[in-house]
Amino acid sequence: MSASADGAHGAHGSDGSDGAAGVALALLEGALAIESPSGREAAVAGYFVERMRTLGYDRAFVDEAGNAVGVLGDGPRQVVLLGHIDTVPGVVPLRREGDRLYGRGAVDAKGPFAAFVAGVARAGRRPGWSVVVVGAVEEEAASSKGARHAASQWRPEACVIGEPSGWDALTLGYKGRLLVDYRCVRPLAHSAGPERSPPEHGVLFWNALVARAEAEAAAADAKGVFERVSPALLSFHTPQDGLHQTVSLTVSMRTPVGFDSADWRAFLTRAAADPELGGGGEVMFQGEEVAWRGDKNNPLVRAFLGAVRDQGGKPGFKVKSGTSDMCVVGPAWRCPILAYGPGDSKLDHTPDEHVLIPEYLRGVAVVQGAVERLTAES
């Protein structure tokens, strides 16, 4: 069993009060104290770089995209642990309440990234390997700027994405995403007249989109949410200036593996222009990412399964209905990939965001054990 088990199970205090556990917990608390919404990550990137240098990384720097990067070892074989250091807006005051550590990013996803940084440092230099940790910027934005840059800089044979899975579970896949912006402008007309109003056309467009998604799921006999298109109406606005009225709406489509983007774009463009549906409106598309799912039978998965068991857990697998940087680097690197991190994803983006301290410390131990197991394989 790796030395990390001590940090999770009491030799150093399961509350993180001293020793290696205290170092790991202080690392996370320091990061949570720094606000870092997407686009404003410079301070927390600098913090992580400074801490990685203190923890013994061979190289630690902020790259051209603003990512916090640490490299331990100089071997030709490469594994990348890619988390993200930006958060959604909103301040969750940093505090401890018993075993709970509160703060924006405690779960999504400074907690998982801090577990990467601490766990890799504990594993130390691995002969023949370069272990790279990347704290990416703008994951919570449609740009995924940090992951796109990282995808062009590294060529790993295995990748771990830092997202909350729970300390004893592995996430194998994420759905893709397509954002749809619809807009229609029409002259004002009396509500008692025969003409449909722009808001009505917006509703018809939304209904057509939902009906298409439901019909496609039925035709494919899609059993679960991961296998179907899942639309969500994000906004609906109907301003007017006394002469014209506008309807604009934004839809987020979470998309499955094999999603036919070209066909869907053509359908939505036709629907927007159809007088009986979109009323002569127009659509724009942005923020597209493809769904990606890794497999279970590879050295990376085996390393994490063993590391979870070393900590007394019964590992399980998940797939997520959201989108992550796995959808950016998975298609680029095409190597074994999974997502891992302590924390309950139901707390993502909420005012109650917190991580259980014992869970976080077990997550650090699992990362250390998984890196040791993976890099011990021939």
Protein backbone atom coordinates (compact mmCIF):
# COMPACT_ATOMS: atom_id res chain seq x y z
CA MET A 1 0.00 0.00 0.00
CA SER A 2 1.30 3.48 -0.82
CA ALA A 3 2.35 5.90 1.89
CA SER A 4 -0.66 8.07 1.05
CA ALA A 5 -2.90 5.78 3.05
CA ASP A 6 -1.45 7.31 6.22
CA GLY A 7 -2.57 10.77 5.17
CA ALA A 8 -6.11 9.55 4.64
CA HIS A 9 -6.54 7.28 7.62
CA GLY A 10 -5.14 8.84 10.71
CA ALA A 11 -1.35 8.74 11.00
CA HIS A 12 -1.45 12.41 10.07
CA GLY A 13 -4.96 13.11 11.28
CA SER A 14 -8.06 12.51 9.16
CA ASP A 15 -9.08 16.13 9.74
CA GLY A 16 -5.98 17.39 8.00
CA SER A 17 -4.56 18.87 11.19
CA ASP A 18 -0.92 17.92 10.70
CA GLY A 19 1.68 16.19 8.56
CA ALA A 20 1.10 15.31 4.92
CA ALA A 21 -2.66 15.62 5.32
CA GLY A 22 -2.23 19.12 6.69
CA VAL A 23 -0.09 20.11 3.71
CA ALA A 24 -2.69 18.78 1.26
CA LEU A 25 -5.54 20.51 3.05
CA ALA A 26 -3.69 23.82 3.32
CA LEU A 27 -3.06 23.63 -0.43
CA LEU A 28 -6.79 23.47 -1.11
CA GLU A 29 -7.74 26.08 1.46
CA GLY A 30 -5.27 28.54 -0.04
CA ALA A 31 -6.75 28.01 -3.50
CA LEU A 32 -10.32 28.43 -2.26
CA ALA A 33 -9.38 31.75 -0.67
CA ILE A 34 -8.61 33.17 -4.13
CA GLU A 35 -11.59 34.09 -6.31
CA SER A 36 -11.06 32.82 -9.85
CA PRO A 37 -14.15 33.04 -12.08
CA SER A 38 -13.49 32.24 -15.74
CA GLY A 39 -11.22 34.86 -17.25
CA ARG A 40 -9.76 35.91 -13.88
CA GLU A 41 -7.55 32.95 -12.98
CA ALA A 42 -4.11 34.64 -12.91
CA ALA A 43 -3.86 34.90 -9.12
CA VAL A 44 -4.82 31.29 -8.42
CA ALA A 45 -2.59 30.04 -11.26
CA GLY A 46 0.34 31.85 -9.65
CA TYR A 47 -0.59 30.37 -6.28
CA PHE A 48 -0.58 26.81 -7.59
CA VAL A 49 2.73 27.32 -9.40
CA GLU A 50 4.34 28.61 -6.21
CA ARG A 51 2.99 25.68 -4.21
CA MET A 52 4.14 23.13 -6.80
CA ARG A 53 7.66 24.51 -6.60
CA THR A 54 7.55 24.16 -2.81
CA LEU A 55 6.27 20.59 -3.13
CA GLY A 56 9.27 19.56 -5.24
CA TYR A 57 8.06 19.65 -8.83
CA ASP A 58 10.95 19.80 -11.30
CA ARG A 59 9.22 22.48 -13.31
CA ALA A 60 6.25 24.70 -12.46
CA PHE A 61 5.09 27.59 -14.61
CA VAL A 62 2.16 29.50 -16.05
CA ASP A 63 1.87 28.68 -19.75
CA GLU A 64 0.83 30.90 -22.64
CA ALA A 65 -2.87 30.27 -22.06
CA GLY A 66 -2.64 31.08 -18.34
CA ASN A 67 -2.74 27.47 -17.17
CA ALA A 68 -0.87 26.43 -14.01
CA VAL A 69 1.48 23.62 -15.08
CA GLY A 70 3.72 21.35 -13.03
CA VAL A 71 6.03 18.59 -14.28
CA LEU A 72 7.59 15.92 -12.09
CA GLY A 73 10.17 13.68 -13.75
CA ASP A 74 11.83 13.84 -17.15
CA GLY A 75 11.14 10.45 -18.68
CA PRO A 76 9.92 9.91 -22.24
CA ARG A 77 6.58 8.41 -21.15
CA GLN A 78 3.96 10.98 -20.24
CA VAL A 79 0.76 11.05 -18.22
CA VAL A 80 -1.29 14.26 -17.90
CA LEU A 81 -3.62 15.08 -15.02
CA LEU A 82 -5.75 17.95 -16.31
CA GLY A 83 -8.02 19.82 -13.92
CA HIS A 84 -9.42 23.33 -14.02
CA ILE A 85 -8.84 26.27 -11.72
CA ASP A 86 -11.61 28.60 -12.83
CA THR A 87 -15.05 28.62 -11.23
CA VAL A 88 -18.51 29.88 -11.98
CA PRO A 89 -19.29 33.32 -10.49
CA GLY A 90 -20.53 33.66 -6.95
CA VAL A 91 -18.74 33.76 -3.62
CA VAL A 92 -19.11 30.88 -1.19
CA PRO A 93 -17.32 32.09 1.96
CA LEU A 94 -14.32 29.95 2.86
CA ARG A 95 -14.95 28.18 6.15
CA ARG A 96 -14.78 24.83 7.93
CA GLU A 97 -17.82 23.38 9.64
CA GLY A 98 -16.84 20.09 11.20
CA ASP A 99 -15.63 17.82 8.38
CA ARG A 100 -16.98 20.18 5.72
CA LEU A 101 -14.76 22.63 3.85
CA TYR A 102 -16.79 25.33 2.09
CA GLY A 103 -15.68 27.53 -0.78
CA ARG A 104 -16.36 28.18 -4.46
CA GLY A 105 -14.46 25.48 -6.30
CA ALA A 106 -14.24 23.05 -3.38
CA VAL A 107 -15.96 20.51 -5.63
CA ASP A 108 -15.82 22.05 -9.11
CA ALA A 109 -12.96 21.82 -9.50
CA LYS A 110 -10.17 23.23 -7.33
CA GLY A 111 -10.68 20.28 -4.99
CA PRO A 112 -9.90 17.66 -7.65
CA PHE A 113 -6.98 19.71 -9.00
CA ALA A 114 -5.49 20.21 -5.54
CA ALA A 115 -5.79 16.43 -5.05
CA PHE A 116 -3.81 16.01 -8.30
CA VAL A 117 -1.08 18.42 -7.18
CA ALA A 118 -0.73 16.88 -3.72
CA GLY A 119 -1.05 13.25 -4.85
CA VAL A 120 1.53 13.56 -7.62
CA ALA A 121 3.96 15.28 -5.25
CA ARG A 122 3.60 12.40 -2.79
CA ALA A 123 4.24 9.85 -5.53
CA GLY A 124 7.49 11.62 -6.39
CA ARG A 125 9.61 11.18 -9.50
CA ARG A 126 8.74 8.04 -11.46
CA PRO A 127 11.58 6.43 -13.45
CA GLY A 128 11.00 6.71 -17.19
CA TRP A 129 8.01 9.02 -16.81
CA SER A 130 7.03 12.66 -16.91
CA VAL A 131 3.96 13.29 -14.78
CA VAL A 132 2.27 16.53 -15.82
CA VAL A 133 -0.45 18.38 -13.93
CA VAL A 134 -2.33 21.16 -15.70
CA GLY A 135 -4.73 23.55 -13.98
CA ALA A 136 -6.69 24.78 -16.98
CA VAL A 137 -8.39 28.14 -17.37
CA GLU A 138 -11.84 28.91 -18.82
CA GLU A 139 -13.31 25.42 -18.46
CA GLU A 140 -16.53 26.98 -17.18
CA ALA A 141 -16.68 29.18 -20.29
CA ALA A 142 -17.63 27.98 -23.75
CA SER A 143 -14.06 28.67 -24.91
CA SER A 144 -12.26 25.91 -22.92
CA LYS A 145 -9.16 28.00 -23.61
CA GLY A 146 -6.85 26.17 -21.24
CA ALA A 147 -7.67 22.65 -22.39
CA ARG A 148 -7.38 23.60 -26.06
CA HIS A 149 -3.90 24.97 -25.46
CA ALA A 150 -2.88 21.94 -23.41
CA ALA A 151 -4.10 19.63 -26.18
CA SER A 152 -1.51 21.17 -28.51
CA GLN A 153 1.37 21.03 -26.00
CA TRP A 154 1.35 17.51 -24.58
CA ARG A 155 1.17 14.00 -26.01
CA PRO A 156 0.30 11.69 -23.10
CA GLU A 157 -0.30 7.98 -23.19
CA ALA A 158 -2.89 8.40 -20.43
CA CYS A 159 -4.95 11.31 -19.13
CA VAL A 160 -6.96 12.01 -15.99
CA ILE A 161 -9.51 14.84 -15.96
CA GLY A 162 -10.07 16.60 -12.64
CA GLU A 163 -13.82 16.61 -11.99
CA PRO A 164 -15.83 15.42 -8.98
CA SER A 165 -16.67 11.74 -9.21
CA GLY A 166 -16.66 10.91 -5.53
CA TRP A 167 -13.42 9.54 -4.07
CA ASP A 168 -14.32 5.92 -4.86
CA ALA A 169 -15.75 6.27 -8.40
CA LEU A 170 -14.40 6.85 -11.90
CA THR A 171 -16.16 8.83 -14.62
CA LEU A 172 -15.69 7.29 -18.06
CA GLY A 173 -17.60 9.72 -20.25
CA TYR A 174 -19.25 13.10 -20.72
CA LYS A 175 -21.91 14.26 -23.13
CA GLY A 176 -21.12 16.87 -25.74
CA ARG A 177 -22.69 20.28 -26.10
CA LEU A 178 -24.11 22.58 -28.76
CA LEU A 179 -25.40 26.06 -27.88
CA VAL A 180 -28.17 27.37 -30.13
CA ASP A 181 -29.09 31.07 -30.29
CA TYR A 182 -32.41 31.85 -32.01
CA ARG A 183 -33.62 35.37 -32.89
CA CYS A 184 -36.72 36.68 -34.66
CA VAL A 185 -37.80 40.32 -35.18
CA ARG A 186 -41.31 41.21 -36.39
CA PRO A 187 -43.40 44.40 -36.64
CA LEU A 188 -45.73 44.82 -33.71
CA ALA A 189 -49.29 43.70 -34.32
CA HIS A 190 -52.44 43.76 -32.25
CA SER A 191 -52.71 40.75 -30.00
CA ALA A 192 -56.28 40.17 -31.28
CA GLY A 193 -55.05 39.91 -34.89
CA PRO A 194 -54.28 36.74 -36.87
CA GLU A 195 -50.47 37.14 -36.89
CA ARG A 196 -48.37 35.10 -34.53
CA SER A 197 -46.22 37.19 -32.21
CA PRO A 198 -42.44 36.73 -32.08
CA PRO A 199 -42.72 35.09 -28.63
CA GLU A 200 -45.13 32.55 -30.12
CA HIS A 201 -42.66 31.81 -32.91
CA GLY A 202 -39.95 31.35 -30.30
CA VAL A 203 -42.13 28.82 -28.47
CA LEU A 204 -42.85 26.98 -31.73
CA PHE A 205 -39.13 26.81 -32.51
CA TRP A 206 -38.39 25.42 -29.04
CA ASN A 207 -41.21 22.87 -29.36
CA ALA A 208 -39.89 21.73 -32.74
CA LEU A 209 -36.42 21.23 -31.26
CA VAL A 210 -37.76 19.22 -28.31
CA ALA A 211 -40.01 17.11 -30.57
CA ARG A 212 -37.05 16.26 -32.82
CA ALA A 213 -34.95 15.23 -29.81
CA GLU A 214 -37.72 13.03 -28.43
CA ALA A 215 -38.39 11.40 -31.80
CA GLU A 216 -34.68 10.70 -32.31
CA ALA A 217 -34.40 9.11 -28.86
CA ALA A 218 -37.44 6.93 -29.50
CA ALA A 219 -36.15 5.81 -32.89
CA ALA A 220 -32.78 4.88 -31.39
CA ASP A 221 -34.43 3.19 -28.39
CA ALA A 222 -32.21 5.32 -26.14
CA LYS A 223 -32.55 3.99 -22.60
CA GLY A 224 -30.69 6.61 -20.57
CA VAL A 225 -29.97 10.31 -20.61
CA PHE A 226 -26.38 9.71 -21.74
CA GLU A 227 -27.64 8.22 -25.02
CA ARG A 228 -29.99 11.03 -26.10
CA VAL A 229 -30.02 14.70 -27.00
CA SER A 230 -31.03 16.67 -23.90
CA PRO A 231 -32.16 20.25 -24.63
CA ALA A 232 -32.40 22.93 -21.94
CA LEU A 233 -33.87 26.41 -22.42
CA LEU A 234 -31.34 28.79 -20.87
CA SER A 235 -32.93 32.16 -21.66
CA PHE A 236 -35.99 33.70 -23.34
CA HIS A 237 -36.24 37.46 -23.99
CA THR A 238 -39.00 39.47 -25.74
CA PRO A 239 -38.06 43.17 -25.85
CA GLN A 240 -39.95 45.72 -28.00
CA ASP A 241 -39.41 49.34 -29.02
CA GLY A 242 -42.99 50.37 -29.86
CA LEU A 243 -42.64 49.39 -33.52
CA HIS A 244 -40.99 45.99 -33.49
CA GLN A 245 -40.78 43.08 -31.11
CA THR A 246 -37.87 40.68 -30.82
CA VAL A 247 -37.69 37.21 -29.41
CA SER A 248 -34.32 35.74 -28.60
CA LEU A 249 -33.65 32.48 -26.86
CA THR A 250 -30.65 30.33 -26.08
CA VAL A 251 -30.79 26.56 -25.90
CA SER A 252 -28.13 24.26 -24.54
CA MET A 253 -28.18 20.86 -26.21
CA ARG A 254 -26.28 18.11 -24.40
CA THR A 255 -25.39 15.62 -27.07
CA PRO A 256 -24.59 11.88 -27.10
CA VAL A 257 -21.75 9.96 -28.67
CA GLY A 258 -22.39 9.81 -32.43
CA PHE A 259 -24.41 13.05 -32.51
CA ASP A 260 -24.91 14.19 -36.14
CA SER A 261 -24.12 17.87 -35.76
CA ALA A 262 -24.44 18.77 -39.45
CA ASP A 263 -27.91 17.23 -39.70
CA TRP A 264 -29.11 18.95 -36.53
CA ARG A 265 -27.74 22.33 -37.64
CA ALA A 266 -29.52 22.00 -40.98
CA PHE A 267 -32.79 21.05 -39.26
CA LEU A 268 -32.64 23.96 -36.81
CA THR A 269 -31.77 26.43 -39.59
CA ARG A 270 -34.82 25.28 -41.57
CA ALA A 271 -37.06 25.39 -38.50
CA ALA A 272 -35.98 28.93 -37.65
CA ALA A 273 -36.83 30.16 -41.16
CA ASP A 274 -40.14 28.27 -41.44
CA PRO A 275 -43.07 30.75 -41.25
CA GLU A 276 -45.11 28.14 -39.37
CA LEU A 277 -42.36 27.60 -36.82
CA GLY A 278 -39.53 30.09 -36.48
CA GLY A 279 -41.34 32.88 -38.28
CA GLY A 280 -38.44 33.93 -40.47
CA GLY A 281 -35.95 33.86 -37.63
CA GLU A 282 -32.29 32.95 -37.70
CA VAL A 283 -30.01 30.75 -35.63
CA MET A 284 -26.38 30.85 -34.62
CA PHE A 285 -24.35 28.01 -33.12
CA GLN A 286 -21.50 28.15 -30.64
CA GLY A 287 -19.68 26.26 -27.92
CA GLU A 288 -19.77 22.87 -29.62
CA GLU A 289 -17.95 19.96 -28.00
CA VAL A 290 -18.23 16.31 -28.95
CA ALA A 291 -19.25 13.65 -26.43
CA TRP A 292 -16.41 11.39 -25.35
CA ARG A 293 -16.34 8.09 -23.52
CA GLY A 294 -13.31 6.07 -22.46
CA ASP A 295 -13.19 2.32 -22.06
CA LYS A 296 -12.79 0.24 -18.89
CA ASN A 297 -10.04 -2.12 -19.98
CA ASN A 298 -6.74 -0.26 -19.90
CA PRO A 299 -3.81 0.31 -17.52
CA LEU A 300 -5.11 3.71 -16.36
CA VAL A 301 -8.46 2.35 -15.22
CA ARG A 302 -6.79 -0.62 -13.55
CA ALA A 303 -4.44 1.71 -11.69
CA PHE A 304 -7.32 3.75 -10.28
CA LEU A 305 -9.41 0.72 -9.41
CA GLY A 306 -6.49 -0.67 -7.43
CA ALA A 307 -5.81 2.65 -5.73
CA VAL A 308 -9.45 3.00 -4.63
CA ARG A 309 -9.40 -0.53 -3.23
CA ASP A 310 -6.16 0.26 -1.38
CA GLN A 311 -8.09 2.94 0.48
CA GLY A 312 -10.87 0.53 1.42
CA GLY A 313 -13.31 1.57 -1.30
CA LYS A 314 -15.49 -0.40 -3.68
CA PRO A 315 -14.91 1.43 -6.96
CA GLY A 316 -17.71 2.13 -9.41
CA PHE A 317 -18.12 3.74 -12.81
CA LYS A 318 -20.16 6.76 -13.94
CA VAL A 319 -21.00 8.68 -17.07
CA LYS A 320 -22.06 12.32 -16.83
CA SER A 321 -24.80 14.26 -18.62
CA GLY A 322 -22.70 17.43 -18.52
CA THR A 323 -19.63 18.40 -20.53
CA SER A 324 -16.01 18.69 -19.40
CA ASP A 325 -12.53 19.18 -20.80
CA MET A 326 -12.53 15.44 -21.54
CA CYS A 327 -14.55 16.42 -24.60
CA VAL A 328 -11.68 18.69 -25.74
CA VAL A 329 -8.59 16.57 -25.11
CA GLY A 330 -10.16 13.13 -25.59
CA PRO A 331 -10.53 13.50 -29.39
CA ALA A 332 -7.11 15.20 -29.61
CA TRP A 333 -5.09 12.65 -27.62
CA ARG A 334 -7.11 9.45 -28.15
CA CYS A 335 -5.45 7.75 -25.22
CA PRO A 336 -6.91 6.01 -22.15
CA ILE A 337 -8.84 8.67 -20.25
CA LEU A 338 -11.08 9.00 -17.23
CA ALA A 339 -12.24 11.71 -14.86
CA TYR A 340 -11.60 11.55 -11.14
CA GLY A 341 -11.90 13.79 -8.13
CA PRO A 342 -13.23 13.98 -4.59
CA GLY A 343 -16.56 15.72 -4.05
CA ASP A 344 -20.26 15.41 -4.79
CA SER A 345 -21.09 16.81 -8.24
CA LYS A 346 -24.62 17.66 -7.05
CA LEU A 347 -22.97 20.56 -5.21
CA ASP A 348 -21.43 22.00 -8.41
CA HIS A 349 -22.26 25.69 -8.88
CA THR A 350 -24.46 25.83 -5.76
CA PRO A 351 -24.29 28.21 -2.77
CA ASP A 352 -23.77 25.12 -0.58
CA GLU A 353 -20.59 24.00 -2.38
CA HIS A 354 -18.31 22.09 -0.02
CA VAL A 355 -16.15 19.00 0.16
CA LEU A 356 -15.85 16.57 3.04
CA ILE A 357 -12.28 16.80 4.34
CA PRO A 358 -11.84 13.01 4.82
CA GLU A 359 -13.08 12.47 1.27
CA TYR A 360 -10.65 15.02 -0.13
CA LEU A 361 -7.76 13.38 1.72
CA ARG A 362 -8.76 9.95 0.43
CA GLY A 363 -8.84 11.48 -3.05
CA VAL A 364 -5.24 12.65 -2.61
CA ALA A 365 -4.28 9.14 -1.53
CA VAL A 366 -6.03 7.57 -4.52
CA VAL A 367 -4.25 9.92 -6.94
CA GLN A 368 -0.89 9.01 -5.41
CA GLY A 369 -1.64 5.31 -5.52
CA ALA A 370 -2.94 5.44 -9.10
CA VAL A 371 0.14 7.30 -10.34
CA GLU A 372 2.42 4.82 -8.59
CA ARG A 373 0.55 1.85 -10.03
CA LEU A 374 0.35 3.23 -13.55
CA THR A 375 4.00 4.18 -13.74
CA ALA A 376 5.11 0.86 -12.25
CA GLU A 377 3.67 -1.01 -15.25
CA SER A 378 6.15 -1.91 -17.97
